[in-house]
Amino acid sequence: MTGDELRDRAADQAYRDHAPEIYRVAYGILRDRDEALDATHDAFARAWERWEQYDSQRPLRAWLHGIVVHVALDQLRRRRVRRLALPVLGRATVADIGTGAGADPASAVVRRRVVEDALATLRPEARAALVLRHYYGYDYAQIGAFLGTASGTVGSILTRAHASLRGRLEGETAADRDPVSATRQRRTPSEPTTKPPEVLP
């Protein structure tokens, strides 16, 4: 088997194993399902092109995460340059947030919506840091390497992002005590499933 065939086989296996979670990282940054799919495909294309750069002593998942973060942030920069639409508010989260056993389902929906709206207002780098930290457990140094910044800067980014989310959630709690306000908040479009769409090559 030639080197190119080995690369093709390894890249194909990586796609089958990791495409759904790479999509979730892309969506966490881009907040748009179609753009997240594009970023997923672009990330695996870049991985295939640079396969010889992959260090087999390191986790493949982390290497792919680093690639898709850069792809997604590049897409956002191009979006701003071309003055395309801003990220859409109120899309589904990459994972359920703020739910727990025994929670009131209606309150959980409102809480997820508030978190979604808050995430949409954050800078792309902040969304990327939150996704990498809380969904995948990377430490500050690893996140800094992905984003091309110092670990101390990552801490500042996360602190500000947490404060923004906390402020939104506290506001939602206060609104829930006002039945009229709570009713208005719950008049939201039905949420699409949090399961990512099938990611095809």
N, C-alpha and C. Protein backbone atom coordinates (compact mmCIF):
# COMPACT_ATOMS: atom_id res chain seq x y z
N MET A 1 0.85 -1.20 0.00
CA MET A 1 0.00 0.00 0.00
C MET A 1 0.89 1.25 0.00
N THR A 2 0.58 2.19 -0.88
CA THR A 2 1.39 3.40 -1.00
C THR A 2 1.13 4.36 0.15
N GLY A 3 2.02 5.37 0.26
CA GLY A 3 1.84 6.37 1.31
C GLY A 3 0.55 7.14 1.15
N ASP A 4 0.19 7.46 -0.10
CA ASP A 4 -1.06 8.18 -0.33
C ASP A 4 -2.27 7.34 0.07
N GLU A 5 -2.21 6.06 -0.20
CA GLU A 5 -3.32 5.18 0.18
C GLU A 5 -3.45 5.07 1.68
N LEU A 6 -2.33 5.00 2.37
CA LEU A 6 -2.35 4.96 3.84
C LEU A 6 -2.94 6.26 4.40
N ARG A 7 -2.55 7.38 3.81
CA ARG A 7 -3.10 8.67 4.25
C ARG A 7 -4.60 8.72 4.01
N ASP A 8 -5.03 8.28 2.83
CA ASP A 8 -6.46 8.29 2.52
C ASP A 8 -7.24 7.44 3.51
N ARG A 9 -6.71 6.28 3.82
CA ARG A 9 -7.41 5.38 4.75
C ARG A 9 -7.48 5.99 6.15
N ALA A 10 -6.36 6.58 6.61
CA ALA A 10 -6.33 7.18 7.95
C ALA A 10 -7.27 8.39 8.03
N ALA A 11 -7.26 9.22 6.99
CA ALA A 11 -8.13 10.40 6.99
C ALA A 11 -9.60 10.00 6.95
N ASP A 12 -9.91 8.96 6.18
CA ASP A 12 -11.28 8.48 6.10
C ASP A 12 -11.76 7.96 7.45
N GLN A 13 -10.90 7.23 8.14
CA GLN A 13 -11.25 6.71 9.47
C GLN A 13 -11.43 7.86 10.46
N ALA A 14 -10.58 8.86 10.36
CA ALA A 14 -10.69 10.02 11.25
C ALA A 14 -12.03 10.71 11.04
N TYR A 15 -12.45 10.81 9.79
CA TYR A 15 -13.74 11.44 9.49
C TYR A 15 -14.89 10.66 10.12
N ARG A 16 -14.87 9.34 9.95
CA ARG A 16 -15.95 8.53 10.51
C ARG A 16 -15.98 8.62 12.04
N ASP A 17 -14.81 8.71 12.65
CA ASP A 17 -14.73 8.71 14.11
C ASP A 17 -15.06 10.06 14.72
N HIS A 18 -14.72 11.15 14.05
CA HIS A 18 -14.73 12.46 14.70
C HIS A 18 -15.62 13.52 14.04
N ALA A 19 -16.22 13.24 12.89
CA ALA A 19 -16.99 14.28 12.19
C ALA A 19 -18.09 14.92 13.04
N PRO A 20 -18.91 14.13 13.78
CA PRO A 20 -19.98 14.78 14.55
C PRO A 20 -19.47 15.78 15.59
N GLU A 21 -18.40 15.43 16.32
CA GLU A 21 -17.94 16.37 17.34
C GLU A 21 -17.19 17.55 16.71
N ILE A 22 -16.54 17.35 15.57
CA ILE A 22 -15.91 18.47 14.88
C ILE A 22 -16.99 19.44 14.41
N TYR A 23 -18.12 18.89 13.96
CA TYR A 23 -19.25 19.75 13.60
C TYR A 23 -19.72 20.56 14.81
N ARG A 24 -19.82 19.92 15.97
CA ARG A 24 -20.31 20.62 17.16
C ARG A 24 -19.38 21.76 17.55
N VAL A 25 -18.06 21.56 17.42
CA VAL A 25 -17.13 22.65 17.69
C VAL A 25 -17.35 23.79 16.71
N ALA A 26 -17.49 23.46 15.43
CA ALA A 26 -17.71 24.49 14.42
C ALA A 26 -19.01 25.25 14.69
N TYR A 27 -20.07 24.50 15.03
CA TYR A 27 -21.34 25.16 15.30
C TYR A 27 -21.25 26.05 16.54
N GLY A 28 -20.52 25.60 17.55
CA GLY A 28 -20.38 26.40 18.75
C GLY A 28 -19.77 27.76 18.47
N ILE A 29 -18.94 27.85 17.44
CA ILE A 29 -18.30 29.11 17.08
C ILE A 29 -19.14 29.89 16.08
N LEU A 30 -19.67 29.22 15.07
CA LEU A 30 -20.33 29.89 13.96
C LEU A 30 -21.81 30.18 14.19
N ARG A 31 -22.49 29.34 14.99
CA ARG A 31 -23.92 29.50 15.29
C ARG A 31 -24.79 29.40 14.05
N ASP A 32 -24.33 28.69 13.04
CA ASP A 32 -25.10 28.52 11.82
C ASP A 32 -24.84 27.10 11.32
N ARG A 33 -25.92 26.34 11.10
CA ARG A 33 -25.78 24.93 10.79
C ARG A 33 -25.08 24.69 9.45
N ASP A 34 -25.48 25.45 8.42
CA ASP A 34 -24.87 25.26 7.11
C ASP A 34 -23.39 25.64 7.12
N GLU A 35 -23.08 26.76 7.76
CA GLU A 35 -21.69 27.17 7.83
C GLU A 35 -20.86 26.19 8.66
N ALA A 36 -21.48 25.62 9.69
CA ALA A 36 -20.76 24.62 10.49
C ALA A 36 -20.45 23.37 9.66
N LEU A 37 -21.38 22.98 8.81
CA LEU A 37 -21.12 21.85 7.92
C LEU A 37 -19.97 22.16 6.97
N ASP A 38 -19.99 23.38 6.41
CA ASP A 38 -18.90 23.77 5.51
C ASP A 38 -17.57 23.75 6.24
N ALA A 39 -17.56 24.27 7.47
CA ALA A 39 -16.32 24.30 8.24
C ALA A 39 -15.83 22.89 8.56
N THR A 40 -16.77 22.00 8.84
CA THR A 40 -16.40 20.61 9.12
C THR A 40 -15.71 19.98 7.92
N HIS A 41 -16.31 20.16 6.75
CA HIS A 41 -15.71 19.59 5.54
C HIS A 41 -14.37 20.23 5.23
N ASP A 42 -14.27 21.56 5.41
CA ASP A 42 -13.01 22.25 5.15
C ASP A 42 -11.92 21.78 6.12
N ALA A 43 -12.33 21.56 7.38
CA ALA A 43 -11.35 21.12 8.38
C ALA A 43 -10.77 19.76 8.01
N PHE A 44 -11.61 18.84 7.58
CA PHE A 44 -11.10 17.52 7.21
C PHE A 44 -10.30 17.58 5.91
N ALA A 45 -10.67 18.50 5.02
CA ALA A 45 -9.86 18.68 3.81
C ALA A 45 -8.46 19.17 4.17
N ARG A 46 -8.39 20.13 5.10
CA ARG A 46 -7.09 20.62 5.54
C ARG A 46 -6.30 19.53 6.25
N ALA A 47 -7.00 18.75 7.05
CA ALA A 47 -6.32 17.66 7.75
C ALA A 47 -5.72 16.68 6.74
N TRP A 48 -6.47 16.36 5.70
CA TRP A 48 -5.97 15.44 4.68
C TRP A 48 -4.73 16.02 3.99
N GLU A 49 -4.78 17.33 3.68
CA GLU A 49 -3.66 17.98 3.01
C GLU A 49 -2.42 18.01 3.88
N ARG A 50 -2.61 18.09 5.20
CA ARG A 50 -1.48 18.26 6.13
C ARG A 50 -1.22 17.01 6.96
N TRP A 51 -1.70 15.88 6.46
CA TRP A 51 -1.63 14.68 7.29
C TRP A 51 -0.22 14.34 7.74
N GLU A 52 0.77 14.64 6.90
CA GLU A 52 2.15 14.33 7.28
C GLU A 52 2.62 15.18 8.46
N GLN A 53 1.89 16.27 8.77
CA GLN A 53 2.25 17.11 9.91
C GLN A 53 1.71 16.58 11.23
N TYR A 54 0.80 15.63 11.14
CA TYR A 54 0.20 15.09 12.37
C TYR A 54 1.21 14.24 13.13
N ASP A 55 1.36 14.53 14.41
CA ASP A 55 2.24 13.77 15.30
C ASP A 55 1.42 12.66 15.93
N SER A 56 1.69 11.43 15.53
CA SER A 56 0.89 10.29 16.01
C SER A 56 1.03 10.06 17.51
N GLN A 57 1.99 10.74 18.15
CA GLN A 57 2.13 10.62 19.60
C GLN A 57 1.14 11.52 20.35
N ARG A 58 0.47 12.39 19.61
CA ARG A 58 -0.52 13.29 20.20
C ARG A 58 -1.92 12.82 19.85
N PRO A 59 -2.93 13.19 20.66
CA PRO A 59 -4.30 12.79 20.34
C PRO A 59 -4.77 13.39 19.02
N LEU A 60 -5.35 12.55 18.18
CA LEU A 60 -5.86 13.02 16.90
C LEU A 60 -6.99 14.02 17.09
N ARG A 61 -7.82 13.77 18.09
CA ARG A 61 -8.97 14.64 18.33
C ARG A 61 -8.54 16.08 18.58
N ALA A 62 -7.50 16.26 19.40
CA ALA A 62 -7.03 17.61 19.70
C ALA A 62 -6.48 18.28 18.44
N TRP A 63 -5.79 17.53 17.60
CA TRP A 63 -5.25 18.08 16.36
C TRP A 63 -6.39 18.55 15.46
N LEU A 64 -7.43 17.75 15.34
CA LEU A 64 -8.58 18.12 14.52
C LEU A 64 -9.33 19.31 15.11
N HIS A 65 -9.43 19.37 16.44
CA HIS A 65 -10.07 20.51 17.08
C HIS A 65 -9.34 21.80 16.74
N GLY A 66 -8.01 21.75 16.79
CA GLY A 66 -7.24 22.94 16.45
C GLY A 66 -7.49 23.40 15.03
N ILE A 67 -7.60 22.45 14.11
CA ILE A 67 -7.84 22.80 12.71
C ILE A 67 -9.22 23.44 12.54
N VAL A 68 -10.26 22.83 13.11
CA VAL A 68 -11.60 23.35 12.89
C VAL A 68 -11.80 24.70 13.56
N VAL A 69 -11.13 24.95 14.69
CA VAL A 69 -11.22 26.27 15.31
C VAL A 69 -10.70 27.34 14.35
N HIS A 70 -9.56 27.08 13.75
CA HIS A 70 -9.00 28.05 12.81
C HIS A 70 -9.88 28.22 11.57
N VAL A 71 -10.42 27.12 11.06
CA VAL A 71 -11.30 27.20 9.90
C VAL A 71 -12.53 28.05 10.22
N ALA A 72 -13.16 27.79 11.37
CA ALA A 72 -14.37 28.52 11.74
C ALA A 72 -14.09 30.01 11.96
N LEU A 73 -12.98 30.32 12.63
CA LEU A 73 -12.65 31.73 12.84
C LEU A 73 -12.32 32.42 11.52
N ASP A 74 -11.68 31.70 10.60
CA ASP A 74 -11.42 32.27 9.27
C ASP A 74 -12.73 32.57 8.55
N GLN A 75 -13.70 31.66 8.67
CA GLN A 75 -15.00 31.89 8.04
C GLN A 75 -15.66 33.15 8.58
N LEU A 76 -15.56 33.35 9.90
CA LEU A 76 -16.17 34.55 10.48
C LEU A 76 -15.48 35.81 10.01
N ARG A 77 -14.16 35.75 9.87
CA ARG A 77 -13.45 36.93 9.37
C ARG A 77 -13.86 37.25 7.94
N ARG A 78 -14.00 36.21 7.11
CA ARG A 78 -14.44 36.43 5.74
C ARG A 78 -15.88 36.95 5.71
N ARG A 79 -16.69 36.46 6.64
CA ARG A 79 -18.07 36.92 6.71
C ARG A 79 -18.13 38.41 7.01
N ARG A 80 -17.28 38.87 7.94
CA ARG A 80 -17.27 40.29 8.27
C ARG A 80 -16.78 41.13 7.10
N VAL A 81 -15.75 40.65 6.43
CA VAL A 81 -15.20 41.40 5.31
C VAL A 81 -16.25 41.56 4.22
N ARG A 82 -17.00 40.51 3.94
CA ARG A 82 -18.02 40.56 2.89
C ARG A 82 -19.34 41.13 3.40
N ARG A 83 -19.39 41.46 4.68
CA ARG A 83 -20.61 42.01 5.29
C ARG A 83 -21.79 41.07 5.11
N LEU A 84 -21.56 39.82 5.39
CA LEU A 84 -22.64 38.86 5.35
C LEU A 84 -23.48 39.00 6.61
N ALA A 85 -24.51 38.19 6.70
CA ALA A 85 -25.42 38.27 7.83
C ALA A 85 -24.70 37.96 9.13
N LEU A 86 -25.17 38.61 10.21
CA LEU A 86 -24.64 38.34 11.53
C LEU A 86 -25.11 36.96 12.00
N PRO A 87 -24.40 36.36 12.99
CA PRO A 87 -24.85 35.05 13.48
C PRO A 87 -26.31 35.10 13.91
N VAL A 88 -27.06 34.06 13.56
CA VAL A 88 -28.49 34.00 13.85
C VAL A 88 -28.72 33.69 15.32
N LEU A 89 -29.61 34.48 15.93
CA LEU A 89 -29.96 34.24 17.33
C LEU A 89 -30.97 33.10 17.44
N GLY A 90 -30.91 32.41 18.55
CA GLY A 90 -31.97 31.46 18.86
C GLY A 90 -31.86 30.14 18.17
N ARG A 91 -30.66 29.72 17.71
CA ARG A 91 -30.53 28.39 17.15
C ARG A 91 -30.27 27.39 18.28
N ALA A 92 -30.29 26.11 17.96
CA ALA A 92 -30.12 25.08 18.99
C ALA A 92 -28.69 25.08 19.50
N THR A 93 -28.52 24.72 20.76
CA THR A 93 -27.20 24.61 21.33
C THR A 93 -26.52 23.34 20.86
N VAL A 94 -25.17 23.29 20.97
CA VAL A 94 -24.45 22.08 20.62
C VAL A 94 -24.65 21.01 21.68
N ALA A 95 -25.12 21.39 22.83
CA ALA A 95 -25.46 20.42 23.87
C ALA A 95 -26.46 21.10 24.80
N ASP A 96 -27.24 20.31 25.50
CA ASP A 96 -28.20 20.90 26.43
C ASP A 96 -27.44 21.59 27.54
N ILE A 97 -27.83 22.85 27.84
CA ILE A 97 -27.17 23.63 28.87
C ILE A 97 -28.21 24.00 29.92
N GLY A 98 -27.80 23.89 31.16
CA GLY A 98 -28.66 24.37 32.23
C GLY A 98 -29.83 23.47 32.54
N THR A 99 -29.81 22.21 32.10
CA THR A 99 -30.89 21.30 32.43
C THR A 99 -30.43 20.36 33.52
N GLY A 100 -31.36 19.75 34.20
CA GLY A 100 -31.01 18.82 35.24
C GLY A 100 -32.20 17.97 35.58
N ALA A 101 -31.95 16.89 36.27
CA ALA A 101 -33.03 15.99 36.64
C ALA A 101 -34.04 16.74 37.50
N GLY A 102 -35.29 16.58 37.17
CA GLY A 102 -36.34 17.19 37.97
C GLY A 102 -36.62 18.64 37.64
N ALA A 103 -35.89 19.20 36.67
CA ALA A 103 -36.10 20.60 36.33
C ALA A 103 -37.42 20.76 35.60
N ASP A 104 -38.03 21.93 35.76
CA ASP A 104 -39.26 22.25 35.04
C ASP A 104 -38.95 22.36 33.56
N PRO A 105 -39.58 21.57 32.68
CA PRO A 105 -39.23 21.60 31.25
C PRO A 105 -39.39 22.98 30.63
N ALA A 106 -40.45 23.69 30.99
CA ALA A 106 -40.65 25.02 30.41
C ALA A 106 -39.52 25.97 30.82
N SER A 107 -39.11 25.92 32.08
CA SER A 107 -38.02 26.76 32.55
C SER A 107 -36.72 26.39 31.86
N ALA A 108 -36.54 25.08 31.63
CA ALA A 108 -35.31 24.63 30.97
C ALA A 108 -35.22 25.18 29.55
N VAL A 109 -36.37 25.21 28.84
CA VAL A 109 -36.38 25.74 27.48
C VAL A 109 -36.01 27.22 27.50
N VAL A 110 -36.61 27.96 28.42
CA VAL A 110 -36.32 29.39 28.52
C VAL A 110 -34.86 29.61 28.85
N ARG A 111 -34.34 28.80 29.78
CA ARG A 111 -32.95 28.96 30.19
C ARG A 111 -32.00 28.69 29.02
N ARG A 112 -32.27 27.62 28.26
CA ARG A 112 -31.42 27.34 27.10
C ARG A 112 -31.49 28.49 26.11
N ARG A 113 -32.69 29.05 25.92
CA ARG A 113 -32.84 30.15 24.98
C ARG A 113 -32.02 31.35 25.43
N VAL A 114 -32.04 31.65 26.71
CA VAL A 114 -31.27 32.78 27.23
C VAL A 114 -29.78 32.54 27.02
N VAL A 115 -29.33 31.31 27.30
CA VAL A 115 -27.92 30.99 27.09
C VAL A 115 -27.56 31.14 25.61
N GLU A 116 -28.46 30.67 24.73
CA GLU A 116 -28.22 30.79 23.29
C GLU A 116 -28.07 32.25 22.88
N ASP A 117 -28.99 33.09 23.35
CA ASP A 117 -28.93 34.50 22.99
C ASP A 117 -27.65 35.14 23.51
N ALA A 118 -27.26 34.77 24.72
CA ALA A 118 -26.03 35.32 25.30
C ALA A 118 -24.81 34.86 24.51
N LEU A 119 -24.76 33.59 24.14
CA LEU A 119 -23.63 33.08 23.36
C LEU A 119 -23.51 33.81 22.03
N ALA A 120 -24.65 34.11 21.42
CA ALA A 120 -24.64 34.76 20.11
C ALA A 120 -24.06 36.18 20.19
N THR A 121 -24.09 36.81 21.37
CA THR A 121 -23.57 38.16 21.49
C THR A 121 -22.07 38.19 21.78
N LEU A 122 -21.47 37.04 22.10
CA LEU A 122 -20.06 37.01 22.43
C LEU A 122 -19.20 37.09 21.17
N ARG A 123 -17.96 37.55 21.35
CA ARG A 123 -17.02 37.52 20.24
C ARG A 123 -16.72 36.07 19.85
N PRO A 124 -16.38 35.81 18.59
CA PRO A 124 -16.11 34.44 18.16
C PRO A 124 -15.04 33.75 19.00
N GLU A 125 -13.97 34.47 19.37
CA GLU A 125 -12.92 33.86 20.17
C GLU A 125 -13.44 33.42 21.53
N ALA A 126 -14.37 34.21 22.08
CA ALA A 126 -14.95 33.84 23.38
C ALA A 126 -15.81 32.59 23.24
N ARG A 127 -16.60 32.50 22.18
CA ARG A 127 -17.40 31.30 21.96
C ARG A 127 -16.50 30.08 21.79
N ALA A 128 -15.41 30.27 21.03
CA ALA A 128 -14.48 29.16 20.83
C ALA A 128 -13.88 28.71 22.17
N ALA A 129 -13.49 29.66 23.00
CA ALA A 129 -12.91 29.32 24.29
C ALA A 129 -13.91 28.57 25.18
N LEU A 130 -15.16 29.02 25.19
CA LEU A 130 -16.18 28.35 25.99
C LEU A 130 -16.42 26.92 25.50
N VAL A 131 -16.52 26.74 24.20
CA VAL A 131 -16.75 25.40 23.65
C VAL A 131 -15.59 24.47 24.01
N LEU A 132 -14.36 24.95 23.80
CA LEU A 132 -13.19 24.10 24.05
C LEU A 132 -13.04 23.80 25.54
N ARG A 133 -13.36 24.76 26.39
CA ARG A 133 -13.19 24.57 27.83
C ARG A 133 -14.29 23.69 28.42
N HIS A 134 -15.54 24.01 28.14
CA HIS A 134 -16.65 23.37 28.86
C HIS A 134 -17.22 22.15 28.17
N TYR A 135 -17.09 22.07 26.87
CA TYR A 135 -17.57 20.87 26.18
C TYR A 135 -16.48 19.81 26.04
N TYR A 136 -15.23 20.26 25.96
CA TYR A 136 -14.15 19.31 25.70
C TYR A 136 -13.06 19.29 26.76
N GLY A 137 -13.10 20.18 27.74
CA GLY A 137 -12.22 20.11 28.89
C GLY A 137 -10.77 20.48 28.64
N TYR A 138 -10.47 21.24 27.59
CA TYR A 138 -9.09 21.65 27.36
C TYR A 138 -8.67 22.66 28.42
N ASP A 139 -7.38 22.63 28.80
CA ASP A 139 -6.90 23.61 29.77
C ASP A 139 -6.55 24.91 29.05
N TYR A 140 -6.20 25.93 29.84
CA TYR A 140 -5.99 27.26 29.27
C TYR A 140 -4.84 27.27 28.28
N ALA A 141 -3.79 26.53 28.56
CA ALA A 141 -2.64 26.51 27.66
C ALA A 141 -3.02 25.91 26.31
N GLN A 142 -3.80 24.83 26.34
CA GLN A 142 -4.22 24.20 25.09
C GLN A 142 -5.14 25.12 24.29
N ILE A 143 -6.08 25.77 24.98
CA ILE A 143 -6.98 26.70 24.30
C ILE A 143 -6.18 27.86 23.70
N GLY A 144 -5.20 28.35 24.47
CA GLY A 144 -4.35 29.42 23.96
C GLY A 144 -3.61 29.01 22.70
N ALA A 145 -3.17 27.75 22.66
CA ALA A 145 -2.48 27.26 21.46
C ALA A 145 -3.43 27.21 20.28
N PHE A 146 -4.67 26.79 20.52
CA PHE A 146 -5.65 26.75 19.44
C PHE A 146 -5.95 28.14 18.89
N LEU A 147 -6.07 29.11 19.80
CA LEU A 147 -6.48 30.46 19.41
C LEU A 147 -5.30 31.37 19.10
N GLY A 148 -4.09 30.89 19.34
CA GLY A 148 -2.92 31.72 19.08
C GLY A 148 -2.77 32.86 20.06
N THR A 149 -3.04 32.60 21.34
CA THR A 149 -2.93 33.63 22.36
C THR A 149 -2.39 33.03 23.64
N ALA A 150 -2.03 33.87 24.60
CA ALA A 150 -1.46 33.40 25.86
C ALA A 150 -2.54 32.80 26.75
N SER A 151 -2.13 31.86 27.60
CA SER A 151 -3.09 31.22 28.49
C SER A 151 -3.74 32.23 29.44
N GLY A 152 -2.98 33.26 29.86
CA GLY A 152 -3.56 34.29 30.71
C GLY A 152 -4.66 35.06 30.00
N THR A 153 -4.48 35.28 28.71
CA THR A 153 -5.53 35.94 27.92
C THR A 153 -6.77 35.07 27.83
N VAL A 154 -6.56 33.75 27.72
CA VAL A 154 -7.70 32.82 27.70
C VAL A 154 -8.50 32.96 28.99
N GLY A 155 -7.80 33.07 30.12
CA GLY A 155 -8.50 33.25 31.39
C GLY A 155 -9.35 34.50 31.40
N SER A 156 -8.82 35.59 30.85
CA SER A 156 -9.58 36.84 30.79
C SER A 156 -10.79 36.71 29.88
N ILE A 157 -10.57 36.05 28.74
CA ILE A 157 -11.69 35.85 27.80
C ILE A 157 -12.81 35.07 28.47
N LEU A 158 -12.45 33.98 29.15
CA LEU A 158 -13.46 33.15 29.81
C LEU A 158 -14.14 33.89 30.95
N THR A 159 -13.39 34.68 31.70
CA THR A 159 -13.98 35.43 32.81
C THR A 159 -15.06 36.38 32.31
N ARG A 160 -14.75 37.11 31.24
CA ARG A 160 -15.73 38.05 30.69
C ARG A 160 -16.93 37.31 30.10
N ALA A 161 -16.66 36.19 29.45
CA ALA A 161 -17.76 35.41 28.86
C ALA A 161 -18.67 34.86 29.95
N HIS A 162 -18.08 34.34 31.02
CA HIS A 162 -18.87 33.82 32.13
C HIS A 162 -19.73 34.92 32.75
N ALA A 163 -19.14 36.12 32.90
CA ALA A 163 -19.89 37.23 33.48
C ALA A 163 -21.08 37.59 32.60
N SER A 164 -20.88 37.59 31.30
CA SER A 164 -21.98 37.91 30.38
C SER A 164 -23.09 36.88 30.48
N LEU A 165 -22.71 35.59 30.48
CA LEU A 165 -23.72 34.54 30.59
C LEU A 165 -24.44 34.61 31.92
N ARG A 166 -23.69 34.84 32.99
CA ARG A 166 -24.30 34.90 34.32
C ARG A 166 -25.30 36.05 34.40
N GLY A 167 -24.93 37.20 33.82
CA GLY A 167 -25.84 38.34 33.83
C GLY A 167 -27.14 38.04 33.10
N ARG A 168 -27.03 37.36 31.95
CA ARG A 168 -28.23 37.00 31.21
C ARG A 168 -29.10 36.03 32.00
N LEU A 169 -28.47 35.04 32.62
CA LEU A 169 -29.23 34.04 33.37
C LEU A 169 -29.89 34.64 34.60
N GLU A 170 -29.19 35.56 35.26
CA GLU A 170 -29.80 36.23 36.41
C GLU A 170 -30.99 37.08 35.97
N GLY A 171 -30.88 37.71 34.81
CA GLY A 171 -31.99 38.48 34.29
C GLY A 171 -33.17 37.59 33.96
N GLU A 172 -32.88 36.39 33.44
CA GLU A 172 -33.96 35.44 33.13
C GLU A 172 -34.65 34.99 34.40
N THR A 173 -33.88 34.76 35.48
CA THR A 173 -34.48 34.35 36.75
C THR A 173 -35.42 35.42 37.27
N ALA A 174 -35.01 36.68 37.15
CA ALA A 174 -35.87 37.77 37.60
C ALA A 174 -37.14 37.84 36.75
N ALA A 175 -36.98 37.62 35.44
CA ALA A 175 -38.14 37.67 34.55
C ALA A 175 -39.12 36.56 34.85
N ASP A 176 -38.60 35.40 35.26
CA ASP A 176 -39.48 34.29 35.58
C ASP A 176 -40.41 34.60 36.75
N ARG A 177 -39.98 35.53 37.60
CA ARG A 177 -40.83 35.91 38.72
C ARG A 177 -41.97 36.81 38.27
N ASP A 178 -41.89 37.33 37.05
CA ASP A 178 -42.94 38.15 36.46
C ASP A 178 -43.66 37.29 35.43
N PRO A 179 -44.86 36.80 35.71
CA PRO A 179 -45.55 35.88 34.79
C PRO A 179 -45.72 36.44 33.39
N VAL A 180 -46.02 37.74 33.27
CA VAL A 180 -46.20 38.32 31.95
C VAL A 180 -44.91 38.25 31.16
N SER A 181 -43.80 38.65 31.82
CA SER A 181 -42.51 38.62 31.15
C SER A 181 -42.12 37.20 30.79
N ALA A 182 -42.35 36.25 31.69
CA ALA A 182 -42.00 34.86 31.44
C ALA A 182 -42.78 34.31 30.26
N THR A 183 -44.08 34.68 30.18
CA THR A 183 -44.90 34.20 29.07
C THR A 183 -44.37 34.71 27.75
N ARG A 184 -43.97 35.99 27.72
CA ARG A 184 -43.42 36.55 26.48
C ARG A 184 -42.14 35.82 26.08
N GLN A 185 -41.29 35.50 27.08
CA GLN A 185 -40.04 34.83 26.79
C GLN A 185 -40.28 33.45 26.20
N ARG A 186 -41.36 32.78 26.64
CA ARG A 186 -41.58 31.42 26.20
C ARG A 186 -42.20 31.35 24.80
N ARG A 187 -42.61 32.50 24.26
CA ARG A 187 -43.15 32.50 22.91
C ARG A 187 -42.01 32.53 21.91
N THR A 188 -41.35 31.43 21.81
CA THR A 188 -40.19 31.31 20.93
C THR A 188 -40.46 30.23 19.92
N PRO A 189 -39.81 30.28 18.75
CA PRO A 189 -40.00 29.23 17.76
C PRO A 189 -39.54 27.90 18.30
N SER A 190 -40.12 26.82 17.79
CA SER A 190 -39.70 25.50 18.24
C SER A 190 -38.24 25.29 17.89
N GLU A 191 -37.50 24.67 18.82
CA GLU A 191 -36.07 24.49 18.63
C GLU A 191 -35.80 23.25 17.79
N PRO A 192 -34.84 23.34 16.87
CA PRO A 192 -34.45 22.11 16.16
C PRO A 192 -33.72 21.18 17.11
N THR A 193 -33.63 19.94 16.73
CA THR A 193 -32.94 18.98 17.58
C THR A 193 -31.51 19.38 17.82
N THR A 194 -31.00 19.07 19.02
CA THR A 194 -29.61 19.39 19.33
C THR A 194 -28.66 18.41 18.68
N LYS A 195 -29.18 17.30 18.13
CA LYS A 195 -28.31 16.34 17.46
C LYS A 195 -27.87 16.93 16.13
N PRO A 196 -26.56 16.96 15.85
CA PRO A 196 -26.11 17.56 14.60
C PRO A 196 -26.60 16.77 13.42
N PRO A 197 -26.78 17.44 12.26
CA PRO A 197 -27.19 16.70 11.07
C PRO A 197 -26.11 15.74 10.64
N GLU A 198 -26.51 14.77 9.83
CA GLU A 198 -25.52 13.81 9.35
C GLU A 198 -24.46 14.55 8.55
N VAL A 199 -23.21 14.33 8.87
CA VAL A 199 -22.11 15.01 8.22
C VAL A 199 -21.56 14.08 7.16
N LEU A 200 -21.70 14.48 5.90
CA LEU A 200 -21.28 13.63 4.79
C LEU A 200 -20.04 14.20 4.14
N PRO A 201 -19.20 13.33 3.58
CA PRO A 201 -17.99 13.82 2.91
C PRO A 201 -18.33 14.53 1.62
